[in-house]
C-alpha atoms as a PDB file:
ATOM      1  CA  MET A   1      72.338 -60.952 -53.335  1.00  0.00           C
ATOM      2  CA  GLN A   2      69.325 -61.296 -51.088  1.00  0.00           C
ATOM      3  CA  ILE A   3      67.729 -64.723 -50.822  1.00  0.00           C
ATOM      4  CA  VAL A   4      64.901 -66.371 -48.877  1.00  0.00           C
ATOM      5  CA  ILE A   5      65.528 -69.971 -47.799  1.00  0.00           C
ATOM      6  CA  ALA A   6      62.556 -72.030 -46.612  1.00  0.00           C
ATOM      7  CA  ASN A   7      62.550 -74.872 -44.078  1.00  0.00           C
ATOM      8  CA  VAL A   8      66.017 -74.351 -42.640  1.00  0.00           C
ATOM      9  CA  LEU A   9      64.624 -75.683 -39.360  1.00  0.00           C
ATOM     10  CA  SER A  10      62.135 -78.529 -38.979  1.00  0.00           C
ATOM     11  CA  ARG A  11      59.106 -78.341 -36.700  1.00  0.00           C
ATOM     12  CA  ASP A  12      61.010 -80.345 -34.105  1.00  0.00           C
ATOM     13  CA  ASP A  13      63.939 -77.941 -34.346  1.00  0.00           C
ATOM     14  CA  ILE A  14      61.684 -74.919 -33.885  1.00  0.00           C
ATOM     15  CA  ALA A  15      59.965 -76.502 -30.882  1.00  0.00           C
ATOM     16  CA  ALA A  16      63.332 -77.331 -29.310  1.00  0.00           C
ATOM     17  CA  VAL A  17      64.597 -73.772 -29.787  1.00  0.00           C
ATOM     18  CA  ARG A  18      61.466 -72.259 -28.312  1.00  0.00           C
ATOM     19  CA  ARG A  19      61.605 -74.593 -25.303  1.00  0.00           C
ATOM     20  CA  ALA A  20      65.222 -73.649 -24.689  1.00  0.00           C
ATOM     21  CA  LEU A  21      64.482 -69.933 -24.918  1.00  0.00           C
ATOM     22  CA  LYS A  22      61.717 -70.179 -22.313  1.00  0.00           C
ATOM     23  CA  ASN A  23      64.338 -70.988 -19.682  1.00  0.00           C
ATOM     24  CA  VAL A  24      66.899 -68.364 -20.657  1.00  0.00           C
ATOM     25  CA  ARG A  25      67.369 -64.880 -19.245  1.00  0.00           C
ATOM     26  CA  PHE A  26      66.880 -62.131 -21.803  1.00  0.00           C
ATOM     27  CA  VAL A  27      68.899 -58.917 -21.503  1.00  0.00           C
ATOM     28  CA  ASP A  28      68.744 -55.475 -23.092  1.00  0.00           C
ATOM     29  CA  GLY A  29      69.811 -55.840 -26.728  1.00  0.00           C
ATOM     30  CA  ARG A  30      71.615 -52.509 -26.676  1.00  0.00           C
ATOM     31  CA  ALA A  31      74.496 -54.197 -24.856  1.00  0.00           C
ATOM     32  CA  THR A  32      75.731 -55.686 -28.154  1.00  0.00           C
ATOM     33  CA  ALA A  33      75.083 -52.627 -30.327  1.00  0.00           C
ATOM     34  CA  GLY A  34      77.565 -50.020 -31.499  1.00  0.00           C
ATOM     35  CA  PHE A  35      77.342 -46.460 -30.183  1.00  0.00           C
ATOM     36  CA  ALA A  36      75.010 -45.295 -32.983  1.00  0.00           C
ATOM     37  CA  ALA A  37      72.894 -48.450 -33.300  1.00  0.00           C
ATOM     38  CA  ARG A  38      72.374 -48.368 -29.539  1.00  0.00           C
ATOM     39  CA  VAL A  39      70.239 -45.249 -30.024  1.00  0.00           C
ATOM     40  CA  VAL A  40      67.732 -47.074 -32.263  1.00  0.00           C
ATOM     41  CA  LYS A  41      67.885 -50.639 -30.888  1.00  0.00           C
ATOM     42  CA  ASN A  42      64.937 -51.624 -28.727  1.00  0.00           C
ATOM     43  CA  ASN A  43      64.761 -55.375 -28.197  1.00  0.00           C
ATOM     44  CA  ALA A  44      65.851 -58.145 -25.848  1.00  0.00           C
ATOM     45  CA  GLN A  45      68.467 -60.821 -26.495  1.00  0.00           C
ATOM     46  CA  ALA A  46      69.094 -64.170 -24.872  1.00  0.00           C
ATOM     47  CA  ASP A  47      72.037 -63.841 -22.500  1.00  0.00           C
ATOM     48  CA  SER A  48      75.051 -64.957 -24.548  1.00  0.00           C
ATOM     49  CA  ASN A  49      76.798 -66.095 -21.361  1.00  0.00           C
ATOM     50  CA  ASP A  50      74.088 -68.647 -20.580  1.00  0.00           C
ATOM     51  CA  ARG A  51      75.771 -72.003 -21.299  1.00  0.00           C
ATOM     52  CA  SER A  52      72.404 -73.777 -21.416  1.00  0.00           C
ATOM     53  CA  LEU A  53      72.045 -72.393 -24.949  1.00  0.00           C
ATOM     54  CA  ASP A  54      75.232 -74.014 -26.238  1.00  0.00           C
ATOM     55  CA  ASP A  55      73.567 -77.167 -27.543  1.00  0.00           C
ATOM     56  CA  ILE A  56      70.657 -75.411 -29.209  1.00  0.00           C
ATOM     57  CA  ARG A  57      72.962 -72.776 -30.725  1.00  0.00           C
ATOM     58  CA  LYS A  58      75.130 -75.563 -32.142  1.00  0.00           C
ATOM     59  CA  ARG A  59      72.047 -77.383 -33.464  1.00  0.00           C
ATOM     60  CA  VAL A  60      70.765 -74.310 -35.301  1.00  0.00           C
ATOM     61  CA  ALA A  61      74.204 -73.450 -36.704  1.00  0.00           C
ATOM     62  CA  ASP A  62      74.524 -77.021 -37.966  1.00  0.00           C
ATOM     63  CA  ARG A  63      71.158 -76.814 -39.747  1.00  0.00           C
ATOM     64  CA  ILE A  64      72.167 -73.533 -41.372  1.00  0.00           C
ATOM     65  CA  LEU A  65      75.567 -74.762 -42.554  1.00  0.00           C
ATOM     66  CA  ARG A  66      74.114 -78.018 -43.894  1.00  0.00           C
ATOM     67  CA  ASN A  67      71.482 -76.231 -45.970  1.00  0.00           C
ATOM     68  CA  ASP A  68      72.357 -76.576 -49.667  1.00  0.00           C
ATOM     69  CA  VAL A  69      70.862 -73.249 -50.714  1.00  0.00           C
ATOM     70  CA  PHE A  70      72.658 -71.386 -47.934  1.00  0.00           C
ATOM     71  CA  ARG A  71      75.970 -72.985 -48.906  1.00  0.00           C
ATOM     72  CA  MET A  72      75.434 -72.114 -52.580  1.00  0.00           C
ATOM     73  CA  ALA A  73      74.394 -68.517 -51.920  1.00  0.00           C
ATOM     74  CA  VAL A  74      76.771 -67.615 -49.106  1.00  0.00           C
ATOM     75  CA  ARG A  75      79.841 -69.856 -49.604  1.00  0.00           C
ATOM     76  CA  PRO A  76      80.379 -69.633 -45.829  1.00  0.00           C
ATOM     77  CA  LYS A  77      83.805 -69.930 -44.275  1.00  0.00           C
ATOM     78  CA  ALA A  78      82.597 -69.296 -40.724  1.00  0.00           C
ATOM     79  CA  LEU A  79      79.624 -68.045 -38.730  1.00  0.00           C
ATOM     80  CA  THR A  80      79.639 -65.731 -35.763  1.00  0.00           C
ATOM     81  CA  PRO A  81      78.008 -67.129 -32.590  1.00  0.00           C
ATOM     82  CA  LEU A  82      74.257 -66.979 -33.151  1.00  0.00           C
ATOM     83  CA  LEU A  83      72.076 -64.492 -31.278  1.00  0.00           C
ATOM     84  CA  PHE A  84      68.451 -65.059 -30.264  1.00  0.00           C
ATOM     85  CA  ALA A  85      66.391 -61.877 -30.143  1.00  0.00           C
ATOM     86  CA  ARG A  86      62.898 -61.150 -28.832  1.00  0.00           C
ATOM     87  CA  TYR A  87      60.661 -58.241 -29.790  1.00  0.00           C
ATOM     88  CA  ASP A  88      57.597 -57.747 -27.592  1.00  0.00           C
ATOM     89  CA  LYS A  89      54.803 -55.316 -28.357  1.00  0.00           C
ATOM     90  CA  GLY A  90      56.221 -51.832 -28.941  1.00  0.00           C
ATOM     91  CA  LYS A  91      59.774 -53.044 -29.656  1.00  0.00           C
ATOM     92  CA  ASN A  92      61.670 -52.256 -32.846  1.00  0.00           C
ATOM     93  CA  TYR A  93      65.145 -51.669 -34.267  1.00  0.00           C
ATOM     94  CA  GLY A  94      65.743 -48.528 -36.297  1.00  0.00           C
ATOM     95  CA  SER A  95      67.756 -48.219 -39.481  1.00  0.00           C
ATOM     96  CA  HIS A  96      71.375 -49.364 -39.118  1.00  0.00           C
ATOM     97  CA  VAL A  97      74.188 -51.244 -40.827  1.00  0.00           C
ATOM     98  CA  ASP A  98      75.850 -54.210 -39.142  1.00  0.00           C
ATOM     99  CA  ASP A  99      79.426 -53.974 -37.910  1.00  0.00           C
ATOM    100  CA  ALA A 100      82.075 -54.912 -40.473  1.00  0.00           C
ATOM    101  CA  LEU A 101      83.985 -56.939 -37.876  1.00  0.00           C
ATOM    102  CA  MET A 102      82.447 -59.160 -35.212  1.00  0.00           C
ATOM    103  CA  GLN A 103      84.292 -61.502 -32.884  1.00  0.00           C
ATOM    104  CA  GLY A 104      87.437 -60.684 -34.865  1.00  0.00           C
ATOM    105  CA  MET A 105      85.796 -61.841 -38.104  1.00  0.00           C
ATOM    106  CA  ARG A 106      84.783 -59.898 -41.220  1.00  0.00           C
ATOM    107  CA  THR A 107      81.025 -60.008 -41.796  1.00  0.00           C
ATOM    108  CA  ASP A 108      79.990 -60.458 -45.427  1.00  0.00           C
ATOM    109  CA  VAL A 109      76.436 -61.805 -45.105  1.00  0.00           C
ATOM    110  CA  SER A 110      73.751 -61.093 -42.505  1.00  0.00           C
ATOM    111  CA  PHE A 111      70.894 -63.505 -41.911  1.00  0.00           C
ATOM    112  CA  THR A 112      67.681 -63.645 -39.911  1.00  0.00           C
ATOM    113  CA  LEU A 113      66.044 -66.976 -39.118  1.00  0.00           C
ATOM    114  CA  PHE A 114      62.415 -66.563 -38.068  1.00  0.00           C
ATOM    115  CA  LEU A 115      61.174 -68.573 -35.073  1.00  0.00           C
ATOM    116  CA  SER A 116      57.619 -67.270 -34.578  1.00  0.00           C
ATOM    117  CA  ASP A 117      54.512 -68.072 -36.595  1.00  0.00           C
ATOM    118  CA  PRO A 118      53.954 -64.863 -38.600  1.00  0.00           C
ATOM    119  CA  LYS A 119      50.236 -64.988 -37.709  1.00  0.00           C
ATOM    120  CA  SER A 120      51.080 -64.799 -34.011  1.00  0.00           C
ATOM    121  CA  TYR A 121      52.354 -61.210 -34.176  1.00  0.00           C
ATOM    122  CA  SER A 122      51.720 -58.016 -36.112  1.00  0.00           C
ATOM    123  CA  GLY A 123      54.429 -55.716 -37.418  1.00  0.00           C
ATOM    124  CA  GLY A 124      57.994 -56.836 -36.819  1.00  0.00           C
ATOM    125  CA  GLU A 125      58.981 -57.040 -40.479  1.00  0.00           C
ATOM    126  CA  LEU A 126      62.668 -56.982 -41.308  1.00  0.00           C
ATOM    127  CA  VAL A 127      62.935 -54.079 -43.749  1.00  0.00           C
ATOM    128  CA  ILE A 128      65.965 -54.198 -46.045  1.00  0.00           C
ATOM    129  CA  GLU A 129      66.779 -50.840 -47.623  1.00  0.00           C
ATOM    130  CA  SER A 130      68.343 -50.284 -51.035  1.00  0.00           C
ATOM    131  CA  THR A 131      68.409 -47.728 -53.832  1.00  0.00           C
ATOM    132  CA  ALA A 132      65.355 -49.526 -55.248  1.00  0.00           C
ATOM    133  CA  GLY A 133      63.374 -48.845 -52.079  1.00  0.00           C
ATOM    134  CA  GLU A 134      62.450 -50.779 -48.967  1.00  0.00           C
ATOM    135  CA  GLU A 135      61.601 -54.469 -48.947  1.00  0.00           C
ATOM    136  CA  PRO A 136      59.755 -55.855 -45.894  1.00  0.00           C
ATOM    137  CA  VAL A 137      60.436 -59.498 -45.039  1.00  0.00           C
ATOM    138  CA  LYS A 138      58.315 -61.599 -42.680  1.00  0.00           C
ATOM    139  CA  LEU A 139      58.694 -65.346 -43.054  1.00  0.00           C
ATOM    140  CA  ALA A 140      57.281 -68.588 -41.737  1.00  0.00           C
ATOM    141  CA  ALA A 141      58.927 -70.056 -38.655  1.00  0.00           C
ATOM    142  CA  GLY A 142      62.000 -72.010 -39.706  1.00  0.00           C
ATOM    143  CA  SER A 143      62.653 -69.904 -42.802  1.00  0.00           C
ATOM    144  CA  MET A 144      65.556 -67.511 -43.274  1.00  0.00           C
ATOM    145  CA  VAL A 145      66.537 -64.450 -45.255  1.00  0.00           C
ATOM    146  CA  ALA A 146      70.224 -63.848 -46.043  1.00  0.00           C
ATOM    147  CA  TYR A 147      71.480 -60.570 -47.484  1.00  0.00           C
ATOM    148  CA  PRO A 148      74.703 -58.567 -47.847  1.00  0.00           C
ATOM    149  CA  ALA A 149      75.917 -57.213 -44.506  1.00  0.00           C
ATOM    150  CA  THR A 150      76.561 -53.907 -46.257  1.00  0.00           C
ATOM    151  CA  ALA A 151      72.818 -53.141 -46.472  1.00  0.00           C
ATOM    152  CA  LEU A 152      70.973 -50.697 -44.263  1.00  0.00           C
ATOM    153  CA  HIS A 153      68.049 -52.446 -42.581  1.00  0.00           C
ATOM    154  CA  ARG A 154      65.604 -52.131 -39.705  1.00  0.00           C
ATOM    155  CA  VAL A 155      62.938 -54.048 -37.807  1.00  0.00           C
ATOM    156  CA  ALA A 156      59.465 -52.490 -37.860  1.00  0.00           C
ATOM    157  CA  LYS A 157      57.689 -51.999 -34.545  1.00  0.00           C
ATOM    158  CA  VAL A 158      55.797 -55.015 -33.222  1.00  0.00           C
ATOM    159  CA  THR A 159      52.203 -53.999 -32.557  1.00  0.00           C
ATOM    160  CA  ARG A 160      50.867 -57.356 -31.311  1.00  0.00           C
ATOM    161  CA  GLY A 161      52.370 -60.552 -29.959  1.00  0.00           C
ATOM    162  CA  GLU A 162      56.008 -61.574 -29.811  1.00  0.00           C
ATOM    163  CA  ARG A 163      58.636 -61.835 -32.546  1.00  0.00           C
ATOM    164  CA  LEU A 164      61.414 -64.373 -31.938  1.00  0.00           C
ATOM    165  CA  VAL A 165      64.349 -64.620 -34.329  1.00  0.00           C
ATOM    166  CA  CYS A 166      67.835 -66.013 -34.572  1.00  0.00           C
ATOM    167  CA  VAL A 167      70.333 -63.664 -36.196  1.00  0.00           C
ATOM    168  CA  GLY A 168      73.901 -64.183 -37.295  1.00  0.00           C
ATOM    169  CA  TRP A 169      76.628 -63.253 -39.718  1.00  0.00           C
ATOM    170  CA  ALA A 170      78.827 -65.211 -42.076  1.00  0.00           C
ATOM    171  CA  ARG A 171      82.273 -64.667 -43.427  1.00  0.00           C
ATOM    172  CA  SER A 172      82.252 -65.897 -47.007  1.00  0.00           C
ATOM    173  CA  PHE A 173      85.074 -67.455 -48.966  1.00  0.00           C
ATOM    174  CA  ILE A 174      83.896 -65.025 -51.677  1.00  0.00           C
ATOM    175  CA  ARG A 175      84.093 -61.474 -50.321  1.00  0.00           C
ATOM    176  CA  ASP A 176      82.300 -59.742 -53.215  1.00  0.00           C
ATOM    177  CA  ALA A 177      78.494 -60.042 -53.295  1.00  0.00           C
ATOM    178  CA  ALA A 178      78.296 -59.785 -57.104  1.00  0.00           C
ATOM    179  CA  ARG A 179      80.732 -62.663 -57.477  1.00  0.00           C
ATOM    180  CA  ARG A 180      78.753 -64.748 -54.982  1.00  0.00           C
ATOM    181  CA  GLU A 181      75.675 -64.185 -57.124  1.00  0.00           C
ATOM    182  CA  ILE A 182      77.475 -65.291 -60.289  1.00  0.00           C
ATOM    183  CA  LEU A 183      78.611 -68.492 -58.572  1.00  0.00           C
ATOM    184  CA  PHE A 184      75.110 -69.097 -57.223  1.00  0.00           C
ATOM    185  CA  ASP A 185      73.588 -68.739 -60.701  1.00  0.00           C
ATOM    186  CA  LEU A 186      76.182 -71.047 -62.256  1.00  0.00           C
ATOM    187  CA  ASP A 187      75.701 -73.640 -59.520  1.00  0.00           C
ATOM    188  CA  THR A 188      71.916 -73.475 -59.898  1.00  0.00           C
ATOM    189  CA  ALA A 189      72.180 -73.881 -63.680  1.00  0.00           C
ATOM    190  CA  ARG A 190      74.518 -76.888 -63.506  1.00  0.00           C
ATOM    191  CA  ARG A 191      72.309 -78.639 -60.938  1.00  0.00           C
ATOM    192  CA  ARG A 192      69.251 -78.135 -63.149  1.00  0.00           C
ATOM    193  CA  MET A 193      71.257 -79.384 -66.126  1.00  0.00           C
ATOM    194  CA  PHE A 194      72.275 -82.511 -64.218  1.00  0.00           C
ATOM    195  CA  ALA A 195      68.671 -83.161 -63.117  1.00  0.00           C
ATOM    196  CA  ARG A 196      67.487 -82.805 -66.709  1.00  0.00           C
ATOM    197  CA  GLU A 197      70.140 -84.744 -68.629  1.00  0.00           C
ATOM    198  CA  GLY A 198      72.608 -86.247 -66.167  1.00  0.00           C
ATOM    199  CA  LYS A 199      76.359 -85.864 -66.421  1.00  0.00           C
ATOM    200  CA  SER A 200      77.096 -84.499 -69.877  1.00  0.00           C
ATOM    201  CA  ALA A 201      79.856 -82.615 -71.692  1.00  0.00           C
ATOM    202  CA  ASP A 202      77.964 -79.349 -71.153  1.00  0.00           C
ATOM    203  CA  TYR A 203      77.539 -80.123 -67.453  1.00  0.00           C
ATOM    204  CA  ASP A 204      81.269 -80.762 -67.168  1.00  0.00           C
ATOM    205  CA  LEU A 205      82.105 -77.415 -68.819  1.00  0.00           C
ATOM    206  CA  VAL A 206      79.794 -75.490 -66.495  1.00  0.00           C
ATOM    207  CA  SER A 207      81.203 -77.355 -63.496  1.00  0.00           C
ATOM    208  CA  LYS A 208      84.733 -76.539 -64.664  1.00  0.00           C
ATOM    209  CA  SER A 209      83.875 -72.846 -64.944  1.00  0.00           C
ATOM    210  CA  LEU A 210      82.243 -72.840 -61.507  1.00  0.00           C
ATOM    211  CA  ALA A 211      85.248 -74.525 -59.919  1.00  0.00           C
ATOM    212  CA  ASN A 212      87.770 -72.275 -61.628  1.00  0.00           C
ATOM    213  CA  LEU A 213      85.929 -69.047 -60.813  1.00  0.00           C
ATOM    214  CA  THR A 214      85.672 -70.180 -57.196  1.00  0.00           C
ATOM    215  CA  ARG A 215      89.401 -70.924 -57.220  1.00  0.00           C
ATOM    216  CA  MET A 216      90.109 -67.507 -58.725  1.00  0.00           C
ATOM    217  CA  TRP A 217      87.965 -65.505 -56.288  1.00  0.00           C
ATOM    218  CA  ALA A 218      88.115 -67.471 -53.036  1.00  0.00           C
ATOM    219  CA  GLU A 219      89.961 -66.137 -49.987  1.00  0.00           C
ATOM    220  CA  ASP A 220      90.900 -69.085 -47.812  1.00  0.00           C
END
């Protein structure tokens, strides 16, 4: 399941991230790419060894993990350390699939959190590929797209300005994307039911089904 989540970061959060990134050394992004992705990766990444980013990385990860929609859609068990990437004019990232294992952890869901005002740069869309075609994604600063890590995707060339993003990967308690979608739909339905009529017998049955399917499918 692919989902767009608005307002993961507040304006203050975005400003704090951008201030922190101004004082960080950026390195060639190919250093963290596999042998094939290295051929098509053309961006810069904040130096992961720079300890000055620890607090801001923790702050962003906390906002992501506390987001209700993210928790419902992803069922995250853990996140990889977040990466901050910069695409200046002429930079892009060709079609690739993310590594199945990162930092010793299986990657089930990829996500991109946008940090730049979309009006401040041209191009730079995240393009997610599927059998239905290509879907370009370019979101407001502070918004995120999460999608299965199994998908081919690319970043279109930036033709004006600067594209700043935070990218990361989640291991989910629910390995299968189709099952995650079923749980998301059930959770959405029961929350709407509760908002409409409060705690009822029907709400309890849907909640029971959600809990028992999660128990059946979860890998802890």
